[in-house]
Amino acid sequence: MLEKILVADDDIKVRERFYEILSSLGYKVTCAPSGSEALLRLTEEKYHLIVLDEDMPSLSGPETARKIREFDKDTPIVILSDKEELSSLLSVQVIKKDFSTHLMLRRILELLKEEEVVRRESSPAGLEAKILIVDDNPQIREVLYSFLDKRGYKPILASSGEEALMKVKIEKPQLVFLDIRMPGMDGLLVLKKIKEIKPSTKVVMLTSAQEAYMVEQAKSLGAEDYLTKPCDFKELEAVLLSLLVSEK
């Protein structure tokens, strides 16, 4: 069963981008150029997620959401907007429209992961990436290795910062999961050196709940995102997919 997504936006380039990205991840995407067309589609088919642009001619995203909620109280709706107050007013998720980073896509994928009935056990076509896992805890390395390996990725392990830098030079991974607190070279120093070796490498920091101040330092050094340990696998997968697909 493929999760079905309805995307309504009057900008054809936006619809095209959403279609290409979400289809490449294995979702069944239907596009609509207006709110009224979206409502018509909803009379014909049930969707797992509805994405509406805020500013559409004739029938805006919020107006469309109100009409949808008259007959559908449950299907998650995303409105692409800066107006957070719409969330409580309409029982929707509000996400800023921004293709320049992976964050918009991450939030959309997190919603989809919550709705999925069938768990995918393979990576989407074209995303069989090399992924470096850097953590001095062998249990965390083993859990992440198993998770990634089952999905068809190519996980690589490193137990220290020094080993990680060597693997970055030799293996050239597309993405690195990097523990912040390690003996020897700390994660922030390793991050700095990874970005010096290959600036395009995506780095996601692995942190504990007490390390928020170091997360801000990591972002200033070029980290794309962070995950709090123990990792939630749905959140991890959303971060992973959003980062990998954003570089395609």
Protein backbone atom coordinates (compact mmCIF):
# COMPACT_ATOMS: atom_id res chain seq x y z
CA MET A 1 0.00 0.00 0.00
CA LEU A 2 1.41 3.36 -1.04
CA GLU A 3 0.62 6.39 1.12
CA LYS A 4 -1.29 8.94 -0.96
CA ILE A 5 -0.60 12.67 -0.80
CA LEU A 6 -2.64 15.53 -2.27
CA VAL A 7 -0.67 18.72 -3.04
CA ALA A 8 -2.57 21.90 -3.96
CA ASP A 9 -0.60 24.94 -5.10
CA ASP A 10 -1.23 27.39 -7.95
CA ASP A 11 2.53 27.56 -8.68
CA ILE A 12 3.27 24.82 -11.22
CA LYS A 13 6.98 24.76 -10.29
CA VAL A 14 6.11 24.08 -6.64
CA ARG A 15 3.75 21.26 -7.63
CA GLU A 16 6.43 19.82 -9.89
CA ARG A 17 9.04 19.94 -7.08
CA PHE A 18 6.77 18.26 -4.56
CA TYR A 19 5.77 15.63 -7.11
CA GLU A 20 9.37 14.80 -8.00
CA ILE A 21 10.60 14.63 -4.39
CA LEU A 22 7.72 12.70 -2.83
CA SER A 23 7.32 10.33 -5.78
CA SER A 24 11.03 9.51 -5.59
CA LEU A 25 10.46 8.47 -1.97
CA GLY A 26 7.76 6.02 -2.98
CA TYR A 27 4.62 8.02 -2.23
CA LYS A 28 1.64 8.30 -4.59
CA VAL A 29 1.27 12.04 -5.27
CA THR A 30 -1.71 13.83 -6.78
CA CYS A 31 -1.37 17.51 -7.71
CA ALA A 32 -4.09 20.15 -7.88
CA PRO A 33 -3.66 23.74 -9.16
CA SER A 34 -6.33 25.24 -6.88
CA GLY A 35 -8.28 24.75 -3.68
CA SER A 36 -11.50 24.00 -5.55
CA GLU A 37 -9.72 21.32 -7.60
CA ALA A 38 -8.36 19.84 -4.35
CA LEU A 39 -11.91 19.61 -2.96
CA LEU A 40 -13.04 17.87 -6.14
CA ARG A 41 -10.21 15.33 -5.82
CA LEU A 42 -11.24 14.63 -2.24
CA THR A 43 -14.71 13.59 -3.37
CA GLU A 44 -13.06 10.90 -5.52
CA GLU A 45 -10.26 9.56 -3.32
CA LYS A 46 -9.02 9.32 0.26
CA TYR A 47 -5.54 10.68 1.05
CA HIS A 48 -3.12 10.13 3.92
CA LEU A 49 -1.90 13.75 3.85
CA ILE A 50 -3.12 16.99 2.28
CA VAL A 51 -0.69 19.86 1.55
CA LEU A 52 -2.22 23.27 0.77
CA ASP A 53 -0.49 26.52 -0.14
CA GLU A 54 -1.79 29.43 1.90
CA ASP A 55 -2.15 31.88 -0.99
CA MET A 56 -4.19 30.42 -3.85
CA PRO A 57 -6.56 32.47 -6.03
CA SER A 58 -10.29 32.06 -5.59
CA LEU A 59 -10.08 29.64 -2.66
CA SER A 60 -7.13 30.07 -0.28
CA GLY A 61 -5.43 27.29 1.65
CA PRO A 62 -7.16 28.17 4.96
CA GLU A 63 -10.56 28.41 3.23
CA THR A 64 -9.95 25.04 1.57
CA ALA A 65 -8.93 23.54 4.92
CA ARG A 66 -12.14 24.81 6.56
CA LYS A 67 -14.24 23.17 3.86
CA ILE A 68 -12.29 19.91 4.17
CA ARG A 69 -12.83 19.86 7.94
CA GLU A 70 -16.60 20.02 7.38
CA PHE A 71 -16.53 16.44 6.09
CA ASP A 72 -13.10 15.14 7.17
CA LYS A 73 -11.95 15.75 10.74
CA ASP A 74 -9.03 13.33 10.78
CA THR A 75 -6.80 13.48 7.68
CA PRO A 76 -3.65 15.51 8.47
CA ILE A 77 -3.56 18.83 6.63
CA VAL A 78 -0.45 20.96 6.10
CA ILE A 79 -0.80 24.62 5.21
CA LEU A 80 2.36 26.15 3.75
CA SER A 81 2.46 29.47 5.60
CA ASP A 82 4.33 31.64 8.13
CA LYS A 83 1.15 32.14 10.21
CA GLU A 84 1.44 29.74 13.15
CA GLU A 85 -1.96 30.82 14.50
CA LEU A 86 -3.65 28.90 11.66
CA SER A 87 -2.64 25.66 13.37
CA SER A 88 -5.02 25.98 16.32
CA LEU A 89 -7.75 27.76 14.37
CA LEU A 90 -8.08 25.04 11.71
CA SER A 91 -6.65 21.88 13.33
CA VAL A 92 -3.83 21.79 10.77
CA GLN A 93 -0.03 21.75 10.72
CA VAL A 94 1.60 25.00 9.60
CA ILE A 95 4.95 24.67 7.83
CA LYS A 96 6.94 27.43 6.17
CA LYS A 97 7.33 26.90 2.43
CA ASP A 98 11.07 26.73 1.85
CA PHE A 99 12.88 24.39 -0.54
CA SER A 100 16.28 25.92 0.29
CA THR A 101 16.80 23.58 3.28
CA HIS A 102 15.58 20.11 4.23
CA LEU A 103 13.47 21.33 7.18
CA MET A 104 10.12 21.72 5.38
CA LEU A 105 10.43 18.25 3.89
CA ARG A 106 11.54 16.80 7.23
CA ARG A 107 8.34 17.98 8.94
CA ILE A 108 6.16 16.67 6.11
CA LEU A 109 7.90 13.29 6.22
CA GLU A 110 7.50 13.10 10.01
CA LEU A 111 3.74 13.51 9.55
CA LEU A 112 3.72 10.81 6.89
CA LYS A 113 5.73 8.42 9.07
CA GLU A 114 3.12 8.84 11.80
CA GLU A 115 0.40 7.87 9.32
CA GLU A 116 2.11 4.96 7.59
CA VAL A 117 0.40 1.61 7.88
CA VAL A 118 3.10 -0.40 6.13
CA ARG A 119 6.72 0.17 7.13
CA ARG A 120 9.15 0.32 4.21
CA GLU A 121 12.09 -2.02 4.55
CA SER A 122 14.20 -0.62 1.72
CA SER A 123 15.63 2.73 0.76
CA PRO A 124 13.89 4.66 -2.05
CA ALA A 125 15.34 4.23 -5.52
CA GLY A 126 18.43 6.33 -6.02
CA LEU A 127 19.07 6.90 -2.31
CA GLU A 128 21.39 3.94 -1.59
CA ALA A 129 23.84 6.29 0.11
CA LYS A 130 26.96 5.70 2.15
CA ILE A 131 26.23 6.79 5.71
CA LEU A 132 28.90 7.07 8.41
CA ILE A 133 27.88 6.38 12.03
CA VAL A 134 30.28 7.91 14.56
CA ASP A 135 29.71 7.00 18.22
CA ASP A 136 31.89 5.55 20.96
CA ASN A 137 28.91 3.52 22.26
CA PRO A 138 28.92 0.12 20.48
CA GLN A 139 25.21 -0.46 21.15
CA ILE A 140 24.22 2.76 19.40
CA ARG A 141 26.48 1.93 16.46
CA GLU A 142 24.94 -1.54 16.20
CA VAL A 143 21.33 -0.31 16.37
CA LEU A 144 21.87 2.39 13.74
CA TYR A 145 23.86 0.04 11.51
CA SER A 146 21.05 -2.54 11.57
CA PHE A 147 18.38 0.09 10.88
CA LEU A 148 20.23 1.52 7.87
CA ASP A 149 21.43 -1.82 6.51
CA LYS A 150 17.88 -3.24 6.43
CA ARG A 151 16.79 -0.30 4.31
CA GLY A 152 19.45 -0.79 1.68
CA TYR A 153 21.82 1.98 2.70
CA LYS A 154 25.56 1.43 3.04
CA PRO A 155 26.40 2.09 6.70
CA ILE A 156 30.01 2.64 7.77
CA LEU A 157 31.11 2.60 11.42
CA ALA A 158 33.61 4.66 13.39
CA SER A 159 34.12 4.57 17.16
CA SER A 160 36.14 7.78 17.46
CA GLY A 161 36.65 11.15 15.84
CA GLU A 162 40.05 10.17 14.53
CA GLU A 163 38.64 7.05 12.86
CA ALA A 164 35.71 9.07 11.50
CA LEU A 165 37.99 11.54 9.70
CA MET A 166 39.90 8.69 8.12
CA LYS A 167 36.63 7.11 6.92
CA VAL A 168 35.43 10.46 5.53
CA LYS A 169 38.60 10.75 3.43
CA ILE A 170 38.52 7.12 2.20
CA GLU A 171 34.80 6.28 1.94
CA LYS A 172 33.42 9.76 1.11
CA PRO A 173 30.00 9.26 2.78
CA GLN A 174 27.11 11.47 1.75
CA LEU A 175 25.85 11.75 5.32
CA VAL A 176 27.34 11.42 8.81
CA PHE A 177 25.57 10.72 12.11
CA LEU A 178 28.02 12.18 14.63
CA ASP A 179 27.95 11.90 18.41
CA ILE A 180 28.70 15.21 20.15
CA ARG A 181 30.32 13.81 23.31
CA MET A 182 33.17 11.35 22.67
CA PRO A 183 36.58 10.68 24.24
CA GLY A 184 39.51 12.13 22.33
CA MET A 185 38.24 14.51 19.64
CA ASP A 186 34.79 15.81 20.57
CA GLY A 187 32.02 15.86 18.01
CA LEU A 188 32.21 19.60 17.40
CA LEU A 189 35.88 19.38 16.51
CA VAL A 190 35.21 16.38 14.26
CA LEU A 191 32.38 18.32 12.57
CA LYS A 192 34.70 21.25 11.89
CA LYS A 193 37.30 18.96 10.32
CA ILE A 194 34.73 17.05 8.24
CA LYS A 195 33.52 20.32 6.75
CA GLU A 196 37.13 21.28 5.98
CA ILE A 197 37.72 17.94 4.21
CA LYS A 198 34.47 17.96 2.25
CA PRO A 199 32.07 20.87 2.88
CA SER A 200 29.18 19.19 1.03
CA THR A 201 29.03 16.27 3.49
CA LYS A 202 25.75 16.34 5.41
CA VAL A 203 26.22 16.01 9.18
CA VAL A 204 23.54 15.20 11.76
CA MET A 205 24.61 15.49 15.40
CA LEU A 206 23.59 12.85 17.97
CA THR A 207 22.98 14.55 21.31
CA SER A 208 21.59 14.03 24.78
CA ALA A 209 18.80 16.24 26.13
CA GLN A 210 21.33 18.22 28.18
CA GLU A 211 23.43 19.34 25.21
CA ALA A 212 21.21 22.05 23.68
CA TYR A 213 23.93 24.70 23.97
CA MET A 214 26.30 22.49 21.96
CA VAL A 215 23.66 21.97 19.28
CA GLU A 216 23.74 25.71 18.58
CA GLN A 217 27.53 25.56 18.24
CA ALA A 218 27.17 22.61 15.87
CA LYS A 219 24.73 24.54 13.66
CA SER A 220 27.17 27.45 13.47
CA LEU A 221 29.86 24.98 12.32
CA GLY A 222 27.66 23.65 9.52
CA ALA A 223 25.65 20.76 11.00
CA GLU A 224 22.43 20.28 9.05
CA ASP A 225 20.36 18.86 11.91
CA TYR A 226 20.44 16.96 15.19
CA LEU A 227 18.74 13.98 16.85
CA THR A 228 18.34 13.37 20.56
CA LYS A 229 19.42 9.96 21.85
CA PRO A 230 17.88 7.44 22.08
CA CYS A 231 16.81 8.15 18.51
CA ASP A 232 13.19 7.88 17.45
CA PHE A 233 13.35 5.86 14.22
CA LYS A 234 10.51 7.72 12.50
CA GLU A 235 12.24 11.02 13.20
CA LEU A 236 15.58 9.57 12.12
CA GLU A 237 14.16 8.33 8.85
CA ALA A 238 12.49 11.67 8.13
CA VAL A 239 15.76 13.52 8.70
CA LEU A 240 17.70 11.00 6.63
CA LEU A 241 15.35 11.08 3.64
CA SER A 242 14.88 14.84 3.66
CA LEU A 243 18.64 15.43 3.64
CA LEU A 244 19.44 12.86 0.97
CA VAL A 245 16.65 13.86 -1.38
CA SER A 246 17.46 17.58 -0.99
CA GLU A 247 20.85 17.05 -2.62
CA LYS A 248 19.47 15.28 -5.69
